[in-house]
Protein backbone atom coordinates (compact mmCIF):
# COMPACT_ATOMS: atom_id res chain seq x y z
CA UNK A 1 49.90 -5.77 -46.28
CA UNK A 2 51.98 -8.61 -48.00
CA UNK A 3 53.93 -11.23 -45.84
CA UNK A 4 57.00 -9.89 -46.21
CA UNK A 5 56.11 -6.17 -45.38
CA UNK A 6 54.64 -7.77 -42.29
CA UNK A 7 58.04 -10.08 -41.32
CA UNK A 8 60.11 -6.88 -42.04
CA UNK A 9 58.30 -4.48 -39.55
CA UNK A 10 58.00 -7.48 -37.02
CA UNK A 11 61.92 -7.80 -37.35
CA UNK A 12 62.65 -4.14 -37.53
CA UNK A 13 60.19 -3.63 -33.90
CA UNK A 14 62.61 -6.74 -32.80
CA UNK A 15 65.88 -5.42 -33.27
CA UNK A 16 64.40 -2.00 -31.90
CA UNK A 17 63.38 -3.95 -28.19
CA UNK A 18 59.99 -3.15 -29.19
CA UNK A 19 57.83 -5.18 -26.52
CA UNK A 20 54.43 -5.20 -27.49
CA UNK A 21 53.05 -4.75 -30.95
CA UNK A 22 49.34 -4.56 -31.47
CA UNK A 23 48.22 -6.02 -34.74
CA UNK A 24 45.05 -4.22 -35.54
CA UNK A 25 43.56 -0.75 -36.95
CA UNK A 26 40.48 0.01 -38.26
CA UNK A 27 39.43 -3.66 -39.11
CA UNK A 28 39.08 -7.11 -37.76
CA UNK A 29 42.81 -8.86 -37.89
CA UNK A 30 41.55 -12.17 -37.15
CA UNK A 31 39.55 -12.03 -40.74
CA UNK A 32 42.96 -12.29 -42.60
CA UNK A 33 43.54 -15.49 -44.04
CA UNK A 34 47.41 -14.83 -43.35
CA UNK A 35 46.90 -14.28 -39.54
CA UNK A 36 48.13 -17.87 -38.44
CA UNK A 37 51.03 -17.57 -40.37
CA UNK A 38 51.78 -14.12 -39.44
CA UNK A 39 51.68 -14.42 -35.66
CA UNK A 40 53.43 -18.03 -35.59
């Protein structure tokens, strides 16, 4: 997933007052080279 798409999803969740987001599915999120940028 591109970073702009990730940021849009996070921003949309914030606007909907989502309290928690699980950043995983069928893989290991820590293997994503952009992970530290995405959670900052």
